[in-house]
Amino acid sequence: YLNVGSMWLAANMVVSSFAIGALALPVYNLGFVDAILTLIFF
């Protein structure tokens, strides 16, 4: 079962995921806490 999780662990442990979080301020003008809560929920 570890093979299933490691597949997606590697695929998302990348700088593309960083780029999504980095959109919060310059594109959507969000603060820190509201951006974090949005990340968790969606």
PDB file of all heavy atoms in Angstrom:
ATOM      1  N   TYR A   1       0.825  -1.201   0.000  1.00  0.00           N
ATOM      2  CA  TYR A   1       0.000   0.000   0.000  1.00  0.00           C
ATOM      3  C   TYR A   1       0.868   1.263   0.000  1.00  0.00           C
ATOM      4  O   TYR A   1       0.409   2.329  -0.422  1.00  0.00           O
ATOM      5  CB  TYR A   1      -0.917   0.014   1.224  1.00  0.00           C
ATOM      6  CG  TYR A   1      -1.953  -1.078   1.214  1.00  0.00           C
ATOM      7  CD1 TYR A   1      -1.885  -2.138   2.107  1.00  0.00           C
ATOM      8  CD2 TYR A   1      -2.999  -1.054   0.301  1.00  0.00           C
ATOM      9  CE1 TYR A   1      -2.845  -3.145   2.101  1.00  0.00           C
ATOM     10  CE2 TYR A   1      -3.959  -2.054   0.283  1.00  0.00           C
ATOM     11  CZ  TYR A   1      -3.873  -3.101   1.185  1.00  0.00           C
ATOM     12  OH  TYR A   1      -4.817  -4.097   1.157  1.00  0.00           O
ATOM     13  N   LEU A   2       2.100   1.148   0.439  1.00  0.00           N
ATOM     14  CA  LEU A   2       2.997   2.298   0.432  1.00  0.00           C
ATOM     15  C   LEU A   2       3.296   2.774  -0.982  1.00  0.00           C
ATOM     16  O   LEU A   2       3.562   3.952  -1.203  1.00  0.00           O
ATOM     17  CB  LEU A   2       4.307   1.948   1.143  1.00  0.00           C
ATOM     18  CG  LEU A   2       4.240   1.765   2.656  1.00  0.00           C
ATOM     19  CD1 LEU A   2       5.600   1.355   3.195  1.00  0.00           C
ATOM     20  CD2 LEU A   2       3.762   3.036   3.335  1.00  0.00           C
ATOM     21  N   ASN A   3       3.252   1.849  -1.937  1.00  0.00           N
ATOM     22  CA  ASN A   3       3.523   2.236  -3.311  1.00  0.00           C
ATOM     23  C   ASN A   3       2.493   3.233  -3.839  1.00  0.00           C
ATOM     24  O   ASN A   3       2.804   4.072  -4.679  1.00  0.00           O
ATOM     25  CB  ASN A   3       3.540   1.001  -4.213  1.00  0.00           C
ATOM     26  CG  ASN A   3       4.696   0.081  -3.905  1.00  0.00           C
ATOM     27  OD1 ASN A   3       5.612   0.449  -3.184  1.00  0.00           O
ATOM     28  ND2 ASN A   3       4.652  -1.130  -4.438  1.00  0.00           N
ATOM     29  N   VAL A   4       1.256   3.101  -3.350  1.00  0.00           N
ATOM     30  CA  VAL A   4       0.202   4.024  -3.785  1.00  0.00           C
ATOM     31  C   VAL A   4       0.479   5.423  -3.254  1.00  0.00           C
ATOM     32  O   VAL A   4       0.467   6.405  -4.002  1.00  0.00           O
ATOM     33  CB  VAL A   4      -1.175   3.533  -3.292  1.00  0.00           C
ATOM     34  CG1 VAL A   4      -2.275   4.497  -3.737  1.00  0.00           C
ATOM     35  CG2 VAL A   4      -1.455   2.132  -3.803  1.00  0.00           C
ATOM     36  N   GLY A   5       0.760   5.522  -1.963  1.00  0.00           N
ATOM     37  CA  GLY A   5       0.989   6.831  -1.356  1.00  0.00           C
ATOM     38  C   GLY A   5       2.257   7.496  -1.843  1.00  0.00           C
ATOM     39  O   GLY A   5       2.284   8.710  -2.073  1.00  0.00           O
ATOM     40  N   SER A   6       3.337   6.707  -2.021  1.00  0.00           N
ATOM     41  CA  SER A   6       4.608   7.304  -2.450  1.00  0.00           C
ATOM     42  C   SER A   6       4.514   7.883  -3.848  1.00  0.00           C
ATOM     43  O   SER A   6       5.207   8.843  -4.178  1.00  0.00           O
ATOM     44  CB  SER A   6       5.730   6.268  -2.377  1.00  0.00           C
ATOM     45  OG  SER A   6       5.497   5.195  -3.279  1.00  0.00           O
ATOM     46  N   MET A   7       3.644   7.309  -4.672  1.00  0.00           N
ATOM     47  CA  MET A   7       3.450   7.835  -6.027  1.00  0.00           C
ATOM     48  C   MET A   7       3.007   9.291  -5.976  1.00  0.00           C
ATOM     49  O   MET A   7       3.566  10.168  -6.651  1.00  0.00           O
ATOM     50  CB  MET A   7       2.390   6.983  -6.737  1.00  0.00           C
ATOM     51  CG  MET A   7       2.035   7.457  -8.130  1.00  0.00           C
ATOM     52  SD  MET A   7       3.337   7.089  -9.314  1.00  0.00           S
ATOM     53  CE  MET A   7       2.875   8.230 -10.625  1.00  0.00           C
ATOM     54  N   TRP A   8       2.019   9.580  -5.149  1.00  0.00           N
ATOM     55  CA  TRP A   8       1.478  10.942  -5.086  1.00  0.00           C
ATOM     56  C   TRP A   8       2.284  11.839  -4.164  1.00  0.00           C
ATOM     57  O   TRP A   8       2.277  13.059  -4.322  1.00  0.00           O
ATOM     58  CB  TRP A   8       0.010  10.889  -4.667  1.00  0.00           C
ATOM     59  CG  TRP A   8      -0.794  10.035  -5.586  1.00  0.00           C
ATOM     60  CD1 TRP A   8      -1.464   8.888  -5.286  1.00  0.00           C
ATOM     61  CD2 TRP A   8      -0.978  10.236  -6.988  1.00  0.00           C
ATOM     62  NE1 TRP A   8      -2.061   8.371  -6.402  1.00  0.00           N
ATOM     63  CE2 TRP A   8      -1.783   9.177  -7.462  1.00  0.00           C
ATOM     64  CE3 TRP A   8      -0.550  11.206  -7.891  1.00  0.00           C
ATOM     65  CZ2 TRP A   8      -2.158   9.062  -8.797  1.00  0.00           C
ATOM     66  CZ3 TRP A   8      -0.914  11.097  -9.227  1.00  0.00           C
ATOM     67  CH2 TRP A   8      -1.713  10.041  -9.668  1.00  0.00           C
ATOM     68  N   LEU A   9       2.983  11.244  -3.210  1.00  0.00           N
ATOM     69  CA  LEU A   9       3.871  12.025  -2.356  1.00  0.00           C
ATOM     70  C   LEU A   9       4.951  12.689  -3.197  1.00  0.00           C
ATOM     71  O   LEU A   9       5.228  13.887  -3.066  1.00  0.00           O
ATOM     72  CB  LEU A   9       4.505  11.119  -1.300  1.00  0.00           C
ATOM     73  CG  LEU A   9       5.510  11.776  -0.349  1.00  0.00           C
ATOM     74  CD1 LEU A   9       4.825  12.815   0.514  1.00  0.00           C
ATOM     75  CD2 LEU A   9       6.179  10.718   0.524  1.00  0.00           C
ATOM     76  N   ALA A  10       5.564  11.927  -4.092  1.00  0.00           N
ATOM     77  CA  ALA A  10       6.616  12.469  -4.955  1.00  0.00           C
ATOM     78  C   ALA A  10       6.047  13.442  -5.978  1.00  0.00           C
ATOM     79  O   ALA A  10       6.640  14.494  -6.265  1.00  0.00           O
ATOM     80  CB  ALA A  10       7.353  11.328  -5.663  1.00  0.00           C
ATOM     81  N   ALA A  11       4.884  13.101  -6.547  1.00  0.00           N
ATOM     82  CA  ALA A  11       4.308  13.927  -7.611  1.00  0.00           C
ATOM     83  C   ALA A  11       3.900  15.311  -7.118  1.00  0.00           C
ATOM     84  O   ALA A  11       3.808  16.254  -7.913  1.00  0.00           O
ATOM     85  CB  ALA A  11       3.102  13.221  -8.228  1.00  0.00           C
ATOM     86  N   ASN A  12       3.650  15.450  -5.810  1.00  0.00           N
ATOM     87  CA  ASN A  12       3.230  16.743  -5.266  1.00  0.00           C
ATOM     88  C   ASN A  12       4.294  17.422  -4.413  1.00  0.00           C
ATOM     89  O   ASN A  12       4.140  18.590  -4.067  1.00  0.00           O
ATOM     90  CB  ASN A  12       1.949  16.562  -4.444  1.00  0.00           C
ATOM     91  CG  ASN A  12       0.755  16.218  -5.304  1.00  0.00           C
ATOM     92  OD1 ASN A  12       0.158  17.070  -5.956  1.00  0.00           O
ATOM     93  ND2 ASN A  12       0.397  14.945  -5.326  1.00  0.00           N
ATOM     94  N   MET A  13       5.376  16.705  -4.084  1.00  0.00           N
ATOM     95  CA  MET A  13       6.486  17.303  -3.344  1.00  0.00           C
ATOM     96  C   MET A  13       7.409  18.007  -4.338  1.00  0.00           C
ATOM     97  O   MET A  13       8.590  17.687  -4.502  1.00  0.00           O
ATOM     98  CB  MET A  13       7.244  16.219  -2.574  1.00  0.00           C
ATOM     99  CG  MET A  13       8.309  16.758  -1.629  1.00  0.00           C
ATOM    100  SD  MET A  13       7.637  17.587  -0.172  1.00  0.00           S
ATOM    101  CE  MET A  13       6.980  16.176   0.734  1.00  0.00           C
ATOM    102  N   VAL A  14       6.838  18.993  -5.023  1.00  0.00           N
ATOM    103  CA  VAL A  14       7.547  19.653  -6.117  1.00  0.00           C
ATOM    104  C   VAL A  14       7.281  21.156  -6.076  1.00  0.00           C
ATOM    105  O   VAL A  14       6.388  21.635  -5.370  1.00  0.00           O
ATOM    106  CB  VAL A  14       7.107  19.090  -7.494  1.00  0.00           C
ATOM    107  CG1 VAL A  14       7.513  17.626  -7.637  1.00  0.00           C
ATOM    108  CG2 VAL A  14       5.601  19.233  -7.671  1.00  0.00           C
ATOM    109  N   VAL A  15       8.041  21.877  -6.865  1.00  0.00           N
ATOM    110  CA  VAL A  15       7.932  23.331  -6.855  1.00  0.00           C
ATOM    111  C   VAL A  15       6.634  23.811  -7.502  1.00  0.00           C
ATOM    112  O   VAL A  15       6.228  24.956  -7.289  1.00  0.00           O
ATOM    113  CB  VAL A  15       9.167  23.948  -7.542  1.00  0.00           C
ATOM    114  CG1 VAL A  15       9.110  23.759  -9.043  1.00  0.00           C
ATOM    115  CG2 VAL A  15       9.339  25.407  -7.171  1.00  0.00           C
ATOM    116  N   SER A  16       5.959  22.958  -8.268  1.00  0.00           N
ATOM    117  CA  SER A  16       4.647  23.336  -8.820  1.00  0.00           C
ATOM    118  C   SER A  16       3.654  23.607  -7.696  1.00  0.00           C
ATOM    119  O   SER A  16       2.816  24.513  -7.797  1.00  0.00           O
ATOM    120  CB  SER A  16       4.113  22.230  -9.729  1.00  0.00           C
ATOM    121  OG  SER A  16       4.873  22.113 -10.893  1.00  0.00           O
ATOM    122  N   SER A  17       3.712  22.815  -6.640  1.00  0.00           N
ATOM    123  CA  SER A  17       2.830  23.043  -5.490  1.00  0.00           C
ATOM    124  C   SER A  17       3.144  24.381  -4.839  1.00  0.00           C
ATOM    125  O   SER A  17       2.237  25.106  -4.401  1.00  0.00           O
ATOM    126  CB  SER A  17       2.996  21.909  -4.475  1.00  0.00           C
ATOM    127  OG  SER A  17       2.694  20.656  -5.059  1.00  0.00           O
ATOM    128  N   PHE A  18       4.424  24.715  -4.769  1.00  0.00           N
ATOM    129  CA  PHE A  18       4.830  26.031  -4.260  1.00  0.00           C
ATOM    130  C   PHE A  18       4.200  27.138  -5.095  1.00  0.00           C
ATOM    131  O   PHE A  18       3.740  28.157  -4.575  1.00  0.00           O
ATOM    132  CB  PHE A  18       6.354  26.139  -4.290  1.00  0.00           C
ATOM    133  CG  PHE A  18       6.894  27.450  -3.792  1.00  0.00           C
ATOM    134  CD1 PHE A  18       7.253  27.607  -2.461  1.00  0.00           C
ATOM    135  CD2 PHE A  18       7.042  28.541  -4.648  1.00  0.00           C
ATOM    136  CE1 PHE A  18       7.742  28.833  -2.003  1.00  0.00           C
ATOM    137  CE2 PHE A  18       7.527  29.747  -4.206  1.00  0.00           C
ATOM    138  CZ  PHE A  18       7.878  29.897  -2.869  1.00  0.00           C
ATOM    139  N   ALA A  19       4.196  26.954  -6.412  1.00  0.00           N
ATOM    140  CA  ALA A  19       3.657  27.972  -7.317  1.00  0.00           C
ATOM    141  C   ALA A  19       2.176  28.226  -7.073  1.00  0.00           C
ATOM    142  O   ALA A  19       1.706  29.363  -7.226  1.00  0.00           O
ATOM    143  CB  ALA A  19       3.890  27.555  -8.765  1.00  0.00           C
ATOM    144  N   ILE A  20       1.432  27.185  -6.708  1.00  0.00           N
ATOM    145  CA  ILE A  20       0.006  27.371  -6.418  1.00  0.00           C
ATOM    146  C   ILE A  20      -0.170  28.251  -5.189  1.00  0.00           C
ATOM    147  O   ILE A  20      -0.947  29.215  -5.191  1.00  0.00           O
ATOM    148  CB  ILE A  20      -0.677  26.011  -6.212  1.00  0.00           C
ATOM    149  CG1 ILE A  20      -0.645  25.199  -7.507  1.00  0.00           C
ATOM    150  CG2 ILE A  20      -2.122  26.200  -5.749  1.00  0.00           C
ATOM    151  CD1 ILE A  20      -1.372  25.820  -8.656  1.00  0.00           C
ATOM    152  N   GLY A  21       0.554  27.940  -4.130  1.00  0.00           N
ATOM    153  CA  GLY A  21       0.462  28.779  -2.932  1.00  0.00           C
ATOM    154  C   GLY A  21       0.920  30.195  -3.181  1.00  0.00           C
ATOM    155  O   GLY A  21       0.370  31.154  -2.621  1.00  0.00           O
ATOM    156  N   ALA A  22       1.916  30.335  -4.064  1.00  0.00           N
ATOM    157  CA  ALA A  22       2.459  31.662  -4.349  1.00  0.00           C
ATOM    158  C   ALA A  22       1.487  32.552  -5.105  1.00  0.00           C
ATOM    159  O   ALA A  22       1.688  33.770  -5.190  1.00  0.00           O
ATOM    160  CB  ALA A  22       3.757  31.523  -5.152  1.00  0.00           C
ATOM    161  N   LEU A  23       0.416  31.988  -5.655  1.00  0.00           N
ATOM    162  CA  LEU A  23      -0.580  32.801  -6.363  1.00  0.00           C
ATOM    163  C   LEU A  23      -1.454  33.616  -5.410  1.00  0.00           C
ATOM    164  O   LEU A  23      -2.078  34.591  -5.827  1.00  0.00           O
ATOM    165  CB  LEU A  23      -1.488  31.891  -7.211  1.00  0.00           C
ATOM    166  CG  LEU A  23      -0.887  31.187  -8.425  1.00  0.00           C
ATOM    167  CD1 LEU A  23      -1.923  30.259  -9.044  1.00  0.00           C
ATOM    168  CD2 LEU A  23      -0.404  32.194  -9.459  1.00  0.00           C
ATOM    169  N   ALA A  24      -1.524  33.208  -4.159  1.00  0.00           N
ATOM    170  CA  ALA A  24      -2.491  33.802  -3.227  1.00  0.00           C
ATOM    171  C   ALA A  24      -2.347  35.309  -3.117  1.00  0.00           C
ATOM    172  O   ALA A  24      -3.337  36.049  -3.128  1.00  0.00           O
ATOM    173  CB  ALA A  24      -2.344  33.154  -1.846  1.00  0.00           C
ATOM    174  N   LEU A  25      -1.104  35.800  -3.008  1.00  0.00           N
ATOM    175  CA  LEU A  25      -0.900  37.239  -2.815  1.00  0.00           C
ATOM    176  C   LEU A  25      -0.919  38.032  -4.112  1.00  0.00           C
ATOM    177  O   LEU A  25      -1.740  38.957  -4.258  1.00  0.00           O
ATOM    178  CB  LEU A  25       0.407  37.479  -2.056  1.00  0.00           C
ATOM    179  CG  LEU A  25       0.805  38.948  -1.866  1.00  0.00           C
ATOM    180  CD1 LEU A  25      -0.266  39.687  -1.066  1.00  0.00           C
ATOM    181  CD2 LEU A  25       2.158  39.041  -1.170  1.00  0.00           C
ATOM    182  N   PRO A  26      -0.062  37.721  -5.098  1.00  0.00           N
ATOM    183  CA  PRO A  26      -0.002  38.593  -6.280  1.00  0.00           C
ATOM    184  C   PRO A  26      -1.224  38.515  -7.179  1.00  0.00           C
ATOM    185  O   PRO A  26      -1.555  39.495  -7.849  1.00  0.00           O
ATOM    186  CB  PRO A  26       1.257  38.100  -7.006  1.00  0.00           C
ATOM    187  CG  PRO A  26       1.417  36.684  -6.584  1.00  0.00           C
ATOM    188  CD  PRO A  26       0.927  36.631  -5.170  1.00  0.00           C
ATOM    189  N   VAL A  27      -1.901  37.372  -7.217  1.00  0.00           N
ATOM    190  CA  VAL A  27      -3.039  37.210  -8.125  1.00  0.00           C
ATOM    191  C   VAL A  27      -4.368  37.452  -7.417  1.00  0.00           C
ATOM    192  O   VAL A  27      -5.263  38.110  -7.957  1.00  0.00           O
ATOM    193  CB  VAL A  27      -3.020  35.805  -8.779  1.00  0.00           C
ATOM    194  CG1 VAL A  27      -4.260  35.603  -9.650  1.00  0.00           C
ATOM    195  CG2 VAL A  27      -1.746  35.616  -9.601  1.00  0.00           C
ATOM    196  N   TYR A  28      -4.508  36.967  -6.186  1.00  0.00           N
ATOM    197  CA  TYR A  28      -5.800  37.027  -5.494  1.00  0.00           C
ATOM    198  C   TYR A  28      -5.817  38.001  -4.319  1.00  0.00           C
ATOM    199  O   TYR A  28      -6.854  38.176  -3.678  1.00  0.00           O
ATOM    200  CB  TYR A  28      -6.201  35.628  -5.015  1.00  0.00           C
ATOM    201  CG  TYR A  28      -6.322  34.647  -6.155  1.00  0.00           C
ATOM    202  CD1 TYR A  28      -5.309  33.734  -6.420  1.00  0.00           C
ATOM    203  CD2 TYR A  28      -7.434  34.658  -6.987  1.00  0.00           C
ATOM    204  CE1 TYR A  28      -5.401  32.837  -7.469  1.00  0.00           C
ATOM    205  CE2 TYR A  28      -7.546  33.774  -8.043  1.00  0.00           C
ATOM    206  CZ  TYR A  28      -6.524  32.862  -8.281  1.00  0.00           C
ATOM    207  OH  TYR A  28      -6.621  31.978  -9.331  1.00  0.00           O
ATOM    208  N   ASN A  29      -4.673  38.603  -4.009  1.00  0.00           N
ATOM    209  CA  ASN A  29      -4.582  39.633  -2.980  1.00  0.00           C
ATOM    210  C   ASN A  29      -5.117  39.157  -1.631  1.00  0.00           C
ATOM    211  O   ASN A  29      -5.820  39.883  -0.920  1.00  0.00           O
ATOM    212  CB  ASN A  29      -5.335  40.896  -3.430  1.00  0.00           C
ATOM    213  CG  ASN A  29      -4.957  42.108  -2.603  1.00  0.00           C
ATOM    214  OD1 ASN A  29      -3.824  42.216  -2.125  1.00  0.00           O
ATOM    215  ND2 ASN A  29      -5.895  43.022  -2.433  1.00  0.00           N
ATOM    216  N   LEU A  30      -4.743  37.946  -1.251  1.00  0.00           N
ATOM    217  CA  LEU A  30      -5.179  37.394   0.020  1.00  0.00           C
ATOM    218  C   LEU A  30      -4.116  37.601   1.091  1.00  0.00           C
ATOM    219  O   LEU A  30      -2.921  37.685   0.797  1.00  0.00           O
ATOM    220  CB  LEU A  30      -5.472  35.895  -0.117  1.00  0.00           C
ATOM    221  CG  LEU A  30      -6.712  35.513  -0.925  1.00  0.00           C
ATOM    222  CD1 LEU A  30      -6.791  34.003  -1.086  1.00  0.00           C
ATOM    223  CD2 LEU A  30      -7.979  36.036  -0.258  1.00  0.00           C
ATOM    224  N   GLY A  31      -4.536  37.651   2.350  1.00  0.00           N
ATOM    225  CA  GLY A  31      -3.606  37.695   3.458  1.00  0.00           C
ATOM    226  C   GLY A  31      -3.067  36.313   3.763  1.00  0.00           C
ATOM    227  O   GLY A  31      -3.333  35.345   3.042  1.00  0.00           O
ATOM    228  N   PHE A  32      -2.342  36.194   4.863  1.00  0.00           N
ATOM    229  CA  PHE A  32      -1.703  34.912   5.180  1.00  0.00           C
ATOM    230  C   PHE A  32      -2.703  33.896   5.731  1.00  0.00           C
ATOM    231  O   PHE A  32      -2.835  32.792   5.209  1.00  0.00           O
ATOM    232  CB  PHE A  32      -0.569  35.121   6.192  1.00  0.00           C
ATOM    233  CG  PHE A  32       0.090  33.845   6.610  1.00  0.00           C
ATOM    234  CD1 PHE A  32       0.916  33.151   5.743  1.00  0.00           C
ATOM    235  CD2 PHE A  32      -0.125  33.319   7.885  1.00  0.00           C
ATOM    236  CE1 PHE A  32       1.519  31.957   6.125  1.00  0.00           C
ATOM    237  CE2 PHE A  32       0.470  32.135   8.280  1.00  0.00           C
ATOM    238  CZ  PHE A  32       1.302  31.455   7.393  1.00  0.00           C
ATOM    239  N   VAL A  33      -3.441  34.255   6.758  1.00  0.00           N
ATOM    240  CA  VAL A  33      -4.337  33.300   7.406  1.00  0.00           C
ATOM    241  C   VAL A  33      -5.467  32.873   6.480  1.00  0.00           C
ATOM    242  O   VAL A  33      -5.809  31.685   6.393  1.00  0.00           O
ATOM    243  CB  VAL A  33      -4.902  33.894   8.710  1.00  0.00           C
ATOM    244  CG1 VAL A  33      -5.947  32.959   9.318  1.00  0.00           C
ATOM    245  CG2 VAL A  33      -3.781  34.143   9.707  1.00  0.00           C
ATOM    246  N   ASP A  34      -6.079  33.815   5.774  1.00  0.00           N
ATOM    247  CA  ASP A  34      -7.182  33.446   4.883  1.00  0.00           C
ATOM    248  C   ASP A  34      -6.699  32.566   3.733  1.00  0.00           C
ATOM    249  O   ASP A  34      -7.410  31.664   3.280  1.00  0.00           O
ATOM    250  CB  ASP A  34      -7.925  34.675   4.367  1.00  0.00           C
ATOM    251  CG  ASP A  34      -7.004  35.799   3.942  1.00  0.00           C
ATOM    252  OD1 ASP A  34      -5.800  35.699   4.203  1.00  0.00           O
ATOM    253  OD2 ASP A  34      -7.492  36.780   3.351  1.00  0.00           O
ATOM    254  N   ALA A  35      -5.480  32.807   3.248  1.00  0.00           N
ATOM    255  CA  ALA A  35      -4.928  31.951   2.202  1.00  0.00           C
ATOM    256  C   ALA A  35      -4.691  30.534   2.721  1.00  0.00           C
ATOM    257  O   ALA A  35      -4.987  29.547   2.030  1.00  0.00           O
ATOM    258  CB  ALA A  35      -3.621  32.539   1.669  1.00  0.00           C
ATOM    259  N   ILE A  36      -4.182  30.413   3.945  1.00  0.00           N
ATOM    260  CA  ILE A  36      -3.927  29.099   4.540  1.00  0.00           C
ATOM    261  C   ILE A  36      -5.229  28.321   4.731  1.00  0.00           C
ATOM    262  O   ILE A  36      -5.324  27.125   4.412  1.00  0.00           O
ATOM    263  CB  ILE A  36      -3.194  29.248   5.893  1.00  0.00           C
ATOM    264  CG1 ILE A  36      -1.794  29.835   5.680  1.00  0.00           C
ATOM    265  CG2 ILE A  36      -3.121  27.907   6.610  1.00  0.00           C
ATOM    266  CD1 ILE A  36      -0.875  28.974   4.854  1.00  0.00           C
ATOM    267  N   LEU A  37      -6.251  28.993   5.244  1.00  0.00           N
ATOM    268  CA  LEU A  37      -7.542  28.330   5.444  1.00  0.00           C
ATOM    269  C   LEU A  37      -8.147  27.883   4.119  1.00  0.00           C
ATOM    270  O   LEU A  37      -8.753  26.804   4.025  1.00  0.00           O
ATOM    271  CB  LEU A  37      -8.500  29.270   6.178  1.00  0.00           C
ATOM    272  CG  LEU A  37      -8.127  29.608   7.625  1.00  0.00           C
ATOM    273  CD1 LEU A  37      -9.089  30.644   8.194  1.00  0.00           C
ATOM    274  CD2 LEU A  37      -8.124  28.346   8.487  1.00  0.00           C
ATOM    275  N   THR A  38      -7.990  28.707   3.093  1.00  0.00           N
ATOM    276  CA  THR A  38      -8.483  28.340   1.765  1.00  0.00           C
ATOM    277  C   THR A  38      -7.765  27.103   1.239  1.00  0.00           C
ATOM    278  O   THR A  38      -8.385  26.195   0.671  1.00  0.00           O
ATOM    279  CB  THR A  38      -8.290  29.514   0.783  1.00  0.00           C
ATOM    280  OG1 THR A  38      -8.943  30.674   1.291  1.00  0.00           O
ATOM    281  CG2 THR A  38      -8.873  29.181  -0.584  1.00  0.00           C
ATOM    282  N   LEU A  39      -6.450  27.051   1.432  1.00  0.00           N
ATOM    283  CA  LEU A  39      -5.669  25.886   1.008  1.00  0.00           C
ATOM    284  C   LEU A  39      -6.172  24.609   1.677  1.00  0.00           C
ATOM    285  O   LEU A  39      -6.350  23.575   1.025  1.00  0.00           O
ATOM    286  CB  LEU A  39      -4.189  26.091   1.345  1.00  0.00           C
ATOM    287  CG  LEU A  39      -3.398  27.084   0.495  1.00  0.00           C
ATOM    288  CD1 LEU A  39      -1.980  27.215   1.042  1.00  0.00           C
ATOM    289  CD2 LEU A  39      -3.361  26.637  -0.955  1.00  0.00           C
ATOM    290  N   ILE A  40      -6.377  24.676   2.980  1.00  0.00           N
ATOM    291  CA  ILE A  40      -6.794  23.481   3.714  1.00  0.00           C
ATOM    292  C   ILE A  40      -8.147  22.983   3.212  1.00  0.00           C
ATOM    293  O   ILE A  40      -8.316  21.793   2.890  1.00  0.00           O
ATOM    294  CB  ILE A  40      -6.858  23.775   5.224  1.00  0.00           C
ATOM    295  CG1 ILE A  40      -5.449  24.065   5.768  1.00  0.00           C
ATOM    296  CG2 ILE A  40      -7.485  22.601   5.972  1.00  0.00           C
ATOM    297  CD1 ILE A  40      -5.438  24.534   7.209  1.00  0.00           C
ATOM    298  N   PHE A  41      -9.105  23.871   3.127  1.00  0.00           N
ATOM    299  CA  PHE A  41     -10.469  23.473   2.777  1.00  0.00           C
ATOM    300  C   PHE A  41     -10.567  22.921   1.358  1.00  0.00           C
ATOM    301  O   PHE A  41     -11.103  21.821   1.136  1.00  0.00           O
ATOM    302  CB  PHE A  41     -11.411  24.673   2.940  1.00  0.00           C
ATOM    303  CG  PHE A  41     -12.840  24.370   2.612  1.00  0.00           C
ATOM    304  CD1 PHE A  41     -13.628  23.652   3.499  1.00  0.00           C
ATOM    305  CD2 PHE A  41     -13.395  24.778   1.411  1.00  0.00           C
ATOM    306  CE1 PHE A  41     -14.949  23.357   3.198  1.00  0.00           C
ATOM    307  CE2 PHE A  41     -14.709  24.490   1.096  1.00  0.00           C
ATOM    308  CZ  PHE A  41     -15.496  23.774   1.993  1.00  0.00           C
ATOM    309  N   PHE A  42     -10.027  23.628   0.378  1.00  0.00           N
ATOM    310  CA  PHE A  42     -10.204  23.211  -1.008  1.00  0.00           C
ATOM    311  C   PHE A  42      -9.288  22.040  -1.385  1.00  0.00           C
ATOM    312  O   PHE A  42      -9.626  21.269  -2.281  1.00  0.00           O
ATOM    313  CB  PHE A  42      -9.990  24.398  -1.948  1.00  0.00           C
ATOM    314  CG  PHE A  42     -11.160  25.345  -1.966  1.00  0.00           C
ATOM    315  CD1 PHE A  42     -11.185  26.461  -1.145  1.00  0.00           C
ATOM    316  CD2 PHE A  42     -12.245  25.102  -2.788  1.00  0.00           C
ATOM    317  CE1 PHE A  42     -12.266  27.328  -1.140  1.00  0.00           C
ATOM    318  CE2 PHE A  42     -13.336  25.969  -2.803  1.00  0.00           C
ATOM    319  CZ  PHE A  42     -13.346  27.077  -1.974  1.00  0.00           C
TER     320      PHE A  42
END
